[in-house]
Amino acid sequence: MTRFERGSVTARRLILPVITAVLLSGCVVGPDYRASLMPTPAKWSGQKAGQATQPAQLSRWWQRLRDPELNTLVEEAVAGNLDVAAAKAKIREARASYRQSAGALFPSATGSASATRARAAAATSGGSAGDAYSQYQSGFDASWELDLFGANHRAVEAARYGVDASEQELRSTLLTLVGDVASNYAQARGYQARIALARRAGASQRQTAELTRAKAAAGSATAADVAKAMGQAASTEASVPTLEASYAEAVHRLAVLTGRPPAALDGRLKRGAPIPAPRMPMPTGIPADILLSRPDVRVAERQYAQYTAKIGQAEAARYPSVSLTGNISTSAYRLGDLGKNSTIGWSFGPTLSVPLFNAGQLKAAVEVAQAQRDQYFIAYRSSVLGALEDVENALVSLAQERVRVGKLASSAKSYGEAARLEQALYKAGETSLLDVLDAERSAYSAEDSLLQSRILIATDYIALNKALGGGWDGVVDSAKPEVIDVATGPRLARKSSP
């Protein structure tokens, strides 16, 4: 056998294991994620048998409250809310982590260079020192973990699920934000309506008190009657400061939700507007829809998938690992000789690492990953049940409040008519003051309850849309960082400011 043939055989012996290892690099261990089909009811409990089911209309659902100011506030909140900004930063973090994990699938290479100036030391017997000389070196190192059993592939898979989860968390943040803006706006308009009602009722009751004072001056009423009438008027007017405080809190919350200082919307919302009234009826689809429409359910499902992949990552640590490493270096006594008259050395070969004994640590790590996967699977099931509960509760609340608002409207109309009749009779001297005060108090209470019920209609409608998964469906740019760094390249260090 010639020298060339012997070299070829040696090369084949080295290369064949490497090729085999590369072919095996597509192998993975651990369970593959499979989406679980969560059981859901065929219809919501309030739906009648045989009733046609229409898909839920969740796109920009707040516009069906028919309030242009609310539409504008929602858009401003999406653009300026700080929780949304934090969720976008988490997406950028997850995407960067994914790229970082994916980089482990590829070889890594580094270059090096050095220059030294040296001189041999003088001999201890008194000899002269050697001449000074320079030495230049350059080199190139490379390594590649073949990922025989898929540890890095599982890490990339888990990171990809993490990106999906972070994107769904942004959707969940937007869903909560839109719902909070709509709820606080409806409450603010409701407080304005209740304040106006309390002031009107207080003014009417003061007119009754003045009429009673005139009657007392004429001898047809007593000082006690005057005191009772004045007391009821003052009691009604006393509710105004409490309602004003609640209104201010709702407006301040709206401003903060849009990323502004608390008092930024005071002047803008000062002028009253009607309580938002939703367009009904509202299609709700089927319960299975929430598995895709509810972002918190999607987050839980993606986390379950992520921790399933981490089981394979932990399992792969129990198997052998192979890495390919190689380097080439050159050295010369003159810089110009590095590429031609230099000393060149190289090395190349695989490295095998086999776990032999670790006192059960690697197996325990797999069991930890399995237990974590089970926890996230349970959390996923819990999120589905919680979503179903939210929708059922919202459906019942909205349906019953619609019944209640009809009864309250009838009650308010009757009590209002009774109060007007009692006031007319009192002016004519045909009824007592107590009957008038009782009628006025009942009329005010009925009107105020009607307004509160209208607010609840709006907030229950908002809660139902949130429960069904309705949120912002427009474009949200998550790639742009909040802080733009400048002058990040090499430069002289400066003393940092306190």
Protein backbone atom coordinates (compact mmCIF):
# COMPACT_ATOMS: atom_id res chain seq x y z
CA MET A 1 0.00 0.00 0.00
CA THR A 2 1.38 3.35 -1.03
CA ARG A 3 1.75 6.30 1.31
CA PHE A 4 -1.08 8.05 -0.53
CA GLU A 5 -3.39 5.05 -0.12
CA ARG A 6 -2.59 4.75 3.57
CA GLY A 7 -3.42 8.45 3.97
CA SER A 8 -6.73 7.98 2.20
CA VAL A 9 -7.72 5.10 4.47
CA THR A 10 -6.82 7.15 7.54
CA ALA A 11 -8.85 10.08 6.25
CA ARG A 12 -11.87 7.84 5.64
CA ARG A 13 -11.62 6.45 9.15
CA LEU A 14 -11.71 9.95 10.54
CA ILE A 15 -14.39 11.35 8.25
CA LEU A 16 -16.94 8.49 8.33
CA PRO A 17 -17.72 8.85 12.07
CA VAL A 18 -18.07 12.56 11.58
CA ILE A 19 -20.54 12.10 8.70
CA THR A 20 -22.48 9.55 10.75
CA ALA A 21 -22.65 11.97 13.66
CA VAL A 22 -23.88 14.75 11.40
CA LEU A 23 -26.62 12.50 10.02
CA LEU A 24 -27.66 11.64 13.55
CA SER A 25 -27.80 15.31 14.50
CA GLY A 26 -31.49 15.41 13.52
CA CYS A 27 -32.33 12.98 16.33
CA VAL A 28 -34.27 14.24 19.37
CA VAL A 29 -35.39 12.68 22.62
CA GLY A 30 -38.25 13.47 24.96
CA PRO A 31 -41.95 13.91 24.17
CA ASP A 32 -43.12 15.84 21.13
CA TYR A 33 -45.74 18.46 21.88
CA ARG A 34 -49.26 17.69 20.72
CA ALA A 35 -52.05 20.19 21.25
CA SER A 36 -54.59 18.87 23.72
CA LEU A 37 -58.24 19.00 22.72
CA MET A 38 -59.87 20.56 25.75
CA PRO A 39 -63.52 19.53 26.15
CA THR A 40 -65.95 22.45 25.94
CA PRO A 41 -69.77 22.60 25.93
CA ALA A 42 -71.56 22.64 22.59
CA LYS A 43 -73.33 25.92 23.42
CA TRP A 44 -73.63 28.54 26.11
CA SER A 45 -76.16 27.86 28.83
CA GLY A 46 -78.41 30.78 27.80
CA GLN A 47 -78.78 29.63 24.20
CA LYS A 48 -82.07 27.99 23.32
CA ALA A 49 -82.17 24.58 21.68
CA GLY A 50 -82.18 24.89 17.90
CA GLN A 51 -81.15 28.55 18.02
CA ALA A 52 -78.75 29.49 15.23
CA THR A 53 -75.26 30.32 16.49
CA GLN A 54 -73.51 33.31 14.94
CA PRO A 55 -69.78 33.95 15.37
CA ALA A 56 -68.86 36.54 17.95
CA GLN A 57 -68.17 39.98 16.43
CA LEU A 58 -65.09 40.94 18.42
CA SER A 59 -63.32 43.21 15.95
CA ARG A 60 -63.34 46.74 17.42
CA TRP A 61 -66.30 45.81 19.59
CA TRP A 62 -66.13 49.09 21.55
CA GLN A 63 -67.32 50.97 18.47
CA ARG A 64 -70.75 49.39 19.00
CA LEU A 65 -71.03 51.56 22.13
CA ARG A 66 -71.45 54.42 19.64
CA ASP A 67 -69.26 57.01 21.35
CA PRO A 68 -66.60 58.77 19.21
CA GLU A 69 -64.73 60.02 22.29
CA LEU A 70 -64.35 56.46 23.56
CA ASN A 71 -63.02 55.32 20.17
CA THR A 72 -60.38 58.04 20.30
CA LEU A 73 -59.37 57.20 23.87
CA VAL A 74 -58.91 53.53 22.99
CA GLU A 75 -56.55 54.40 20.14
CA GLU A 76 -54.59 56.79 22.36
CA ALA A 77 -54.32 54.16 25.09
CA VAL A 78 -52.95 51.54 22.69
CA ALA A 79 -50.32 54.02 21.52
CA GLY A 80 -49.31 55.40 24.93
CA ASN A 81 -50.03 52.81 27.63
CA LEU A 82 -46.98 51.78 29.65
CA ASP A 83 -48.12 48.19 30.23
CA VAL A 84 -48.34 47.77 26.46
CA ALA A 85 -44.83 49.19 26.10
CA ALA A 86 -43.54 46.68 28.67
CA ALA A 87 -45.26 43.80 26.85
CA LYS A 88 -43.64 44.88 23.57
CA ALA A 89 -40.24 44.87 25.28
CA LYS A 90 -40.91 41.31 26.47
CA ILE A 91 -41.57 40.29 22.87
CA ARG A 92 -38.22 41.74 21.81
CA GLU A 93 -36.57 39.87 24.68
CA ALA A 94 -38.22 36.58 23.67
CA ARG A 95 -37.22 37.01 20.03
CA ALA A 96 -33.63 37.77 20.99
CA SER A 97 -33.57 34.69 23.24
CA TYR A 98 -34.83 32.62 20.34
CA ARG A 99 -32.04 33.87 18.07
CA GLN A 100 -29.57 33.19 20.86
CA SER A 101 -30.80 29.59 21.20
CA ALA A 102 -30.79 29.07 17.43
CA GLY A 103 -27.16 30.17 17.28
CA ALA A 104 -26.14 27.07 19.25
CA LEU A 105 -27.09 24.89 16.25
CA PHE A 106 -24.25 26.32 14.16
CA PRO A 107 -20.47 26.17 14.43
CA SER A 108 -18.61 28.90 16.25
CA ALA A 109 -15.27 30.33 15.20
CA THR A 110 -12.80 32.76 16.76
CA GLY A 111 -9.64 34.36 15.50
CA SER A 112 -6.62 35.39 17.51
CA ALA A 113 -3.39 37.29 16.97
CA SER A 114 -0.46 38.25 19.18
CA ALA A 115 2.86 40.06 19.00
CA THR A 116 5.64 39.74 21.60
CA ARG A 117 9.06 41.25 22.05
CA ALA A 118 11.50 39.12 24.07
CA ARG A 119 15.17 38.64 24.92
CA ALA A 120 16.83 35.65 26.51
CA ALA A 121 18.13 36.21 30.04
CA ALA A 122 21.91 36.25 30.75
CA ALA A 123 23.43 32.98 31.96
CA THR A 124 24.14 32.72 35.71
CA SER A 125 27.84 32.09 34.97
CA GLY A 126 28.21 35.63 33.72
CA GLY A 127 27.52 35.14 30.04
CA SER A 128 26.03 37.97 27.97
CA ALA A 129 22.31 38.21 27.31
CA GLY A 130 20.93 37.10 23.95
CA ASP A 131 19.70 39.43 21.25
CA ALA A 132 16.13 40.73 21.48
CA TYR A 133 13.66 39.28 18.99
CA SER A 134 10.03 39.65 17.99
CA GLN A 135 7.49 36.86 17.52
CA TYR A 136 4.14 37.14 15.75
CA GLN A 137 1.35 34.61 15.95
CA SER A 138 -2.12 34.30 14.44
CA GLY A 139 -4.69 31.56 14.70
CA PHE A 140 -8.19 30.38 13.99
CA ASP A 141 -10.29 28.15 16.29
CA ALA A 142 -13.61 26.51 15.46
CA SER A 143 -16.00 24.22 17.30
CA TRP A 144 -19.37 22.63 16.64
CA GLU A 145 -21.58 20.65 18.98
CA LEU A 146 -23.32 18.07 16.80
CA ASP A 147 -26.44 17.95 19.00
CA LEU A 148 -26.82 14.20 18.53
CA PHE A 149 -29.91 13.88 20.72
CA GLY A 150 -31.51 17.24 20.13
CA ALA A 151 -30.73 19.21 23.30
CA ASN A 152 -30.15 22.39 21.29
CA HIS A 153 -33.08 21.68 18.99
CA ARG A 154 -35.36 21.33 22.01
CA ALA A 155 -33.98 24.59 23.43
CA VAL A 156 -34.80 26.33 20.14
CA GLU A 157 -38.26 24.77 20.15
CA ALA A 158 -38.88 25.99 23.72
CA ALA A 159 -37.66 29.47 22.79
CA ARG A 160 -39.99 29.55 19.79
CA TYR A 161 -42.94 28.71 22.01
CA GLY A 162 -41.72 31.45 24.35
CA VAL A 163 -41.94 33.97 21.51
CA ASP A 164 -45.51 32.83 20.80
CA ALA A 165 -46.40 33.18 24.49
CA SER A 166 -44.96 36.71 24.67
CA GLU A 167 -46.96 37.76 21.62
CA GLN A 168 -50.12 36.40 23.21
CA GLU A 169 -49.26 38.23 26.44
CA LEU A 170 -49.23 41.46 24.43
CA ARG A 171 -52.70 40.57 23.11
CA SER A 172 -53.83 39.88 26.67
CA THR A 173 -52.46 43.23 27.83
CA LEU A 174 -54.28 45.00 25.00
CA LEU A 175 -57.51 43.15 25.81
CA THR A 176 -57.34 44.25 29.43
CA LEU A 177 -56.39 47.78 28.43
CA VAL A 178 -59.27 48.27 25.99
CA GLY A 179 -61.72 46.84 28.52
CA ASP A 180 -60.41 49.09 31.31
CA VAL A 181 -60.61 52.19 29.11
CA ALA A 182 -64.18 51.39 28.08
CA SER A 183 -65.25 50.55 31.66
CA ASN A 184 -63.76 53.68 33.21
CA TYR A 185 -65.19 55.82 30.43
CA ALA A 186 -68.70 54.38 30.94
CA GLN A 187 -68.41 54.89 34.69
CA ALA A 188 -67.19 58.47 34.23
CA ARG A 189 -70.17 59.31 32.02
CA GLY A 190 -72.42 57.55 34.51
CA TYR A 191 -71.09 59.63 37.40
CA GLN A 192 -71.69 62.78 35.36
CA ALA A 193 -75.31 61.76 34.79
CA ARG A 194 -75.81 60.92 38.46
CA ILE A 195 -74.26 64.23 39.54
CA ALA A 196 -76.61 66.13 37.23
CA LEU A 197 -79.58 64.15 38.59
CA ALA A 198 -78.61 64.83 42.22
CA ARG A 199 -78.32 68.53 41.51
CA ARG A 200 -81.71 68.63 39.76
CA ALA A 201 -83.36 66.66 42.57
CA GLY A 202 -81.70 68.85 45.20
CA ALA A 203 -82.89 72.00 43.44
CA SER A 204 -86.45 70.65 43.21
CA GLN A 205 -86.42 69.71 46.88
CA ARG A 206 -85.19 73.17 47.82
CA GLN A 207 -88.14 74.63 45.93
CA THR A 208 -90.39 72.43 48.07
CA ALA A 209 -88.57 73.71 51.17
CA GLU A 210 -89.06 77.34 50.09
CA LEU A 211 -92.75 76.66 49.46
CA THR A 212 -92.99 75.13 52.94
CA ARG A 213 -91.26 78.18 54.40
CA ALA A 214 -93.85 80.40 52.72
CA LYS A 215 -96.64 78.19 54.08
CA ALA A 216 -95.12 78.40 57.55
CA ALA A 217 -95.09 82.20 57.29
CA ALA A 218 -98.77 82.06 56.36
CA GLY A 219 -99.48 79.74 59.30
CA SER A 220 -100.37 76.63 57.26
CA ALA A 221 -97.10 74.78 58.05
CA THR A 222 -94.80 74.47 61.02
CA ALA A 223 -91.11 75.16 61.57
CA ALA A 224 -90.61 71.38 61.83
CA ASP A 225 -92.00 71.00 58.33
CA VAL A 226 -89.50 73.56 57.06
CA ALA A 227 -86.64 71.74 58.80
CA LYS A 228 -87.69 68.39 57.30
CA ALA A 229 -87.87 69.83 53.80
CA MET A 230 -84.49 71.57 54.13
CA GLY A 231 -82.93 68.41 55.58
CA GLN A 232 -84.04 66.25 52.69
CA ALA A 233 -82.70 68.76 50.14
CA ALA A 234 -79.35 68.90 51.93
CA SER A 235 -79.21 65.09 52.15
CA THR A 236 -79.71 64.78 48.39
CA GLU A 237 -77.09 67.46 47.66
CA ALA A 238 -74.63 65.69 50.01
CA SER A 239 -74.29 62.84 47.50
CA VAL A 240 -72.77 65.24 44.93
CA PRO A 241 -69.25 65.49 46.50
CA THR A 242 -68.99 61.69 46.73
CA LEU A 243 -70.04 61.31 43.11
CA GLU A 244 -67.63 64.08 42.07
CA ALA A 245 -64.76 62.24 43.76
CA SER A 246 -65.66 58.97 42.03
CA TYR A 247 -65.91 60.79 38.69
CA ALA A 248 -62.48 62.35 39.19
CA GLU A 249 -60.97 58.96 40.01
CA ALA A 250 -62.41 57.44 36.81
CA VAL A 251 -61.07 60.31 34.68
CA HIS A 252 -57.67 60.16 36.34
CA ARG A 253 -57.53 56.43 35.69
CA LEU A 254 -58.39 57.02 32.04
CA ALA A 255 -55.55 59.51 31.72
CA VAL A 256 -53.02 57.10 33.24
CA LEU A 257 -54.25 54.30 30.97
CA THR A 258 -53.45 56.51 27.97
CA GLY A 259 -49.95 57.18 29.33
CA ARG A 260 -50.67 60.74 30.51
CA PRO A 261 -50.58 62.49 33.91
CA PRO A 262 -53.79 61.96 35.93
CA ALA A 263 -55.26 65.43 35.34
CA ALA A 264 -54.60 65.48 31.58
CA LEU A 265 -58.20 64.66 30.59
CA ASP A 266 -60.04 66.82 33.13
CA GLY A 267 -60.87 69.63 30.71
CA ARG A 268 -61.49 67.34 27.76
CA LEU A 269 -64.14 65.20 29.50
CA LYS A 270 -65.68 67.98 31.59
CA ARG A 271 -68.51 68.46 29.16
CA GLY A 272 -71.05 65.72 29.81
CA ALA A 273 -72.12 63.02 27.36
CA PRO A 274 -74.68 60.20 27.52
CA ILE A 275 -73.85 56.88 29.14
CA PRO A 276 -72.64 54.60 26.29
CA ALA A 277 -75.43 52.25 25.20
CA PRO A 278 -74.36 49.06 23.39
CA ARG A 279 -76.04 47.84 20.26
CA MET A 280 -77.88 44.63 21.09
CA PRO A 281 -78.27 41.69 20.66
CA MET A 282 -74.68 40.50 20.64
CA PRO A 283 -73.65 37.21 18.96
CA THR A 284 -71.39 35.10 21.19
CA GLY A 285 -70.34 32.15 19.01
CA ILE A 286 -69.70 28.77 20.63
CA PRO A 287 -67.61 27.91 23.71
CA ALA A 288 -64.86 26.24 21.65
CA ASP A 289 -64.07 29.64 20.08
CA ILE A 290 -62.40 30.90 23.24
CA LEU A 291 -59.57 28.36 22.82
CA LEU A 292 -58.32 30.60 20.01
CA SER A 293 -59.82 34.00 20.83
CA ARG A 294 -58.79 34.31 24.50
CA PRO A 295 -55.14 35.40 24.67
CA ASP A 296 -54.69 34.25 28.27
CA VAL A 297 -55.75 30.74 27.20
CA ARG A 298 -53.30 30.92 24.30
CA VAL A 299 -50.53 32.03 26.66
CA ALA A 300 -51.20 29.05 28.93
CA GLU A 301 -51.21 26.68 25.94
CA ARG A 302 -47.92 28.04 24.60
CA GLN A 303 -46.29 27.76 28.03
CA TYR A 304 -47.48 24.16 28.25
CA ALA A 305 -45.83 23.53 24.85
CA GLN A 306 -42.66 25.33 25.95
CA TYR A 307 -42.22 23.18 29.04
CA THR A 308 -42.94 20.02 27.05
CA ALA A 309 -39.92 20.87 24.89
CA LYS A 310 -37.81 21.42 28.01
CA ILE A 311 -38.34 17.77 28.98
CA GLY A 312 -36.47 16.73 25.82
CA GLN A 313 -33.76 19.25 26.62
CA ALA A 314 -33.27 17.69 30.07
CA GLU A 315 -33.49 14.12 28.67
CA ALA A 316 -30.78 14.81 26.09
CA ALA A 317 -28.31 15.60 28.87
CA ARG A 318 -28.45 11.89 29.83
CA TYR A 319 -27.03 10.83 26.43
CA PRO A 320 -23.52 11.16 24.98
CA SER A 321 -22.52 14.40 23.29
CA VAL A 322 -20.05 14.91 20.45
CA SER A 323 -18.25 18.09 19.48
CA LEU A 324 -15.96 18.81 16.57
CA THR A 325 -13.06 21.11 17.33
CA GLY A 326 -10.26 22.35 15.14
CA ASN A 327 -7.63 25.04 15.04
CA ILE A 328 -4.87 26.31 12.84
CA SER A 329 -2.07 28.62 13.91
CA THR A 330 0.96 30.24 12.36
CA SER A 331 3.98 31.96 13.91
CA ALA A 332 6.94 33.90 12.53
CA TYR A 333 9.67 36.22 13.67
CA ARG A 334 8.68 38.87 11.18
CA LEU A 335 5.17 40.15 10.54
CA GLY A 336 5.54 39.83 6.79
CA ASP A 337 6.47 36.15 7.07
CA LEU A 338 3.15 35.06 8.66
CA GLY A 339 1.68 34.17 5.31
CA LYS A 340 4.74 32.55 3.64
CA ASN A 341 7.81 31.63 5.72
CA SER A 342 5.97 30.86 8.94
CA THR A 343 5.55 27.81 11.12
CA ILE A 344 2.06 26.41 10.65
CA GLY A 345 0.33 24.00 13.01
CA TRP A 346 -3.16 22.55 12.99
CA SER A 347 -5.42 20.09 14.78
CA PHE A 348 -8.84 18.62 14.12
CA GLY A 349 -10.97 15.95 15.74
CA PRO A 350 -14.14 14.97 17.57
CA THR A 351 -14.64 15.05 21.33
CA LEU A 352 -16.97 12.54 22.93
CA SER A 353 -18.52 13.12 26.35
CA VAL A 354 -20.47 10.31 28.04
CA PRO A 355 -22.24 10.72 31.40
CA LEU A 356 -21.22 7.71 33.49
CA PHE A 357 -22.19 8.47 37.07
CA ASN A 358 -23.99 11.48 38.50
CA ALA A 359 -25.94 9.98 41.43
CA GLY A 360 -29.26 10.33 39.62
CA GLN A 361 -29.01 14.10 39.08
CA LEU A 362 -29.75 13.99 35.36
CA LYS A 363 -32.75 11.68 35.83
CA ALA A 364 -34.03 13.97 38.59
CA ALA A 365 -33.67 16.94 36.23
CA VAL A 366 -35.94 15.14 33.75
CA GLU A 367 -38.49 14.50 36.49
CA VAL A 368 -38.36 18.18 37.47
CA ALA A 369 -39.07 19.15 33.86
CA GLN A 370 -41.94 16.67 33.68
CA ALA A 371 -43.48 18.03 36.88
CA GLN A 372 -43.17 21.58 35.55
CA ARG A 373 -44.86 20.50 32.29
CA ASP A 374 -47.71 18.99 34.30
CA GLN A 375 -48.13 22.24 36.25
CA TYR A 376 -48.44 24.24 33.04
CA PHE A 377 -50.85 21.70 31.57
CA ILE A 378 -53.04 22.06 34.66
CA ALA A 379 -52.74 25.86 34.37
CA TYR A 380 -53.89 25.57 30.74
CA ARG A 381 -56.93 23.51 31.73
CA SER A 382 -57.68 25.97 34.53
CA SER A 383 -57.49 28.92 32.13
CA VAL A 384 -60.01 27.27 29.82
CA LEU A 385 -62.45 26.64 32.66
CA GLY A 386 -61.93 30.17 33.95
CA ALA A 387 -62.63 31.59 30.49
CA LEU A 388 -65.84 29.57 30.20
CA GLU A 389 -66.89 30.78 33.63
CA ASP A 390 -66.18 34.41 32.72
CA VAL A 391 -68.37 34.20 29.62
CA GLU A 392 -71.24 32.41 31.39
CA ASN A 393 -71.20 34.95 34.25
CA ALA A 394 -71.08 37.88 31.84
CA LEU A 395 -73.95 36.47 29.79
CA VAL A 396 -76.13 36.02 32.87
CA SER A 397 -75.26 39.46 34.26
CA LEU A 398 -75.99 41.23 30.99
CA ALA A 399 -79.26 39.37 30.39
CA GLN A 400 -80.57 39.96 33.91
CA GLU A 401 -79.49 43.60 33.96
CA ARG A 402 -81.41 44.19 30.74
CA VAL A 403 -84.52 42.83 32.45
CA ARG A 404 -83.79 44.95 35.52
CA VAL A 405 -83.29 48.17 33.56
CA GLY A 406 -86.74 47.75 32.01
CA LYS A 407 -88.35 47.41 35.44
CA LEU A 408 -86.38 50.37 36.80
CA ALA A 409 -87.41 52.53 33.85
CA SER A 410 -91.06 51.78 34.60
CA SER A 411 -90.48 52.44 38.30
CA ALA A 412 -88.73 55.75 37.65
CA LYS A 413 -91.53 56.89 35.34
CA SER A 414 -94.21 56.05 37.92
CA TYR A 415 -92.36 57.61 40.86
CA GLY A 416 -91.64 60.73 38.81
CA GLU A 417 -95.30 61.14 37.94
CA ALA A 418 -96.26 60.56 41.59
CA ALA A 419 -93.79 63.23 42.74
CA ARG A 420 -95.21 65.78 40.28
CA LEU A 421 -98.76 65.03 41.40
CA GLU A 422 -97.87 65.28 45.10
CA GLN A 423 -96.13 68.62 44.51
CA ALA A 424 -99.21 69.97 42.71
CA LEU A 425 -101.50 68.76 45.50
CA TYR A 426 -99.19 70.23 48.13
CA LYS A 427 -99.28 73.62 46.45
CA ALA A 428 -103.05 73.42 46.47
CA GLY A 429 -103.02 72.45 50.15
CA GLU A 430 -104.63 69.06 49.52
CA THR A 431 -101.83 66.79 50.81
CA SER A 432 -99.26 66.76 53.58
CA LEU A 433 -95.56 67.62 53.36
CA LEU A 434 -94.58 64.09 54.38
CA ASP A 435 -96.30 62.69 51.30
CA VAL A 436 -94.40 65.17 49.12
CA LEU A 437 -91.03 64.43 50.72
CA ASP A 438 -91.60 60.68 50.43
CA ALA A 439 -92.57 61.00 46.75
CA GLU A 440 -89.55 63.19 45.96
CA ARG A 441 -87.19 60.82 47.77
CA SER A 442 -88.64 57.80 45.94
CA ALA A 443 -88.45 59.54 42.57
CA TYR A 444 -84.80 60.49 43.08
CA SER A 445 -83.87 56.98 44.26
CA ALA A 446 -85.64 55.38 41.29
CA GLU A 447 -83.95 57.71 38.76
CA ASP A 448 -80.55 57.13 40.35
CA SER A 449 -81.05 53.33 40.32
CA LEU A 450 -82.02 53.54 36.64
CA LEU A 451 -78.81 55.41 35.81
CA GLN A 452 -76.72 52.87 37.75
CA SER A 453 -78.42 50.06 35.86
CA ARG A 454 -77.59 51.71 32.53
CA ILE A 455 -73.96 51.93 33.63
CA LEU A 456 -74.06 48.23 34.51
CA ILE A 457 -75.51 47.42 31.08
CA ALA A 458 -72.47 49.07 29.50
CA THR A 459 -69.94 47.49 31.87
CA ASP A 460 -71.54 44.03 31.56
CA TYR A 461 -71.38 44.37 27.78
CA ILE A 462 -67.71 45.31 28.09
CA ALA A 463 -67.05 42.37 30.43
CA LEU A 464 -68.71 39.96 27.98
CA ASN A 465 -66.52 41.14 25.11
CA LYS A 466 -63.43 40.79 27.28
CA ALA A 467 -64.52 37.30 28.35
CA LEU A 468 -64.96 36.28 24.71
CA GLY A 469 -61.44 37.51 23.90
CA GLY A 470 -62.21 40.80 22.20
CA GLY A 471 -59.26 43.19 22.21
CA TRP A 472 -57.19 45.35 19.91
CA ASP A 473 -56.84 43.72 16.50
CA GLY A 474 -54.86 46.49 14.81
CA VAL A 475 -51.15 46.61 14.05
CA VAL A 476 -48.82 47.07 17.03
CA ASP A 477 -45.14 47.72 16.29
CA SER A 478 -43.15 45.75 18.87
CA ALA A 479 -39.79 46.03 17.09
CA LYS A 480 -39.02 49.63 18.04
CA PRO A 481 -37.27 49.96 21.43
CA GLU A 482 -38.43 52.53 23.96
CA VAL A 483 -34.90 53.75 24.67
CA ILE A 484 -32.74 54.59 21.65
CA ASP A 485 -29.08 54.15 22.58
CA VAL A 486 -26.51 56.40 20.93
CA ALA A 487 -22.71 56.31 20.77
CA THR A 488 -22.47 52.63 21.66
CA GLY A 489 -19.15 51.98 19.90
CA PRO A 490 -15.66 52.03 21.45
CA ARG A 491 -14.78 55.36 23.09
CA LEU A 492 -13.02 56.80 26.09
CA ALA A 493 -14.84 56.09 29.32
CA ARG A 494 -16.43 59.00 31.16
CA LYS A 495 -17.39 59.24 34.77
CA SER A 496 -21.04 58.24 35.04
CA SER A 497 -23.48 60.78 36.46
CA PRO A 498 -25.08 59.96 39.85
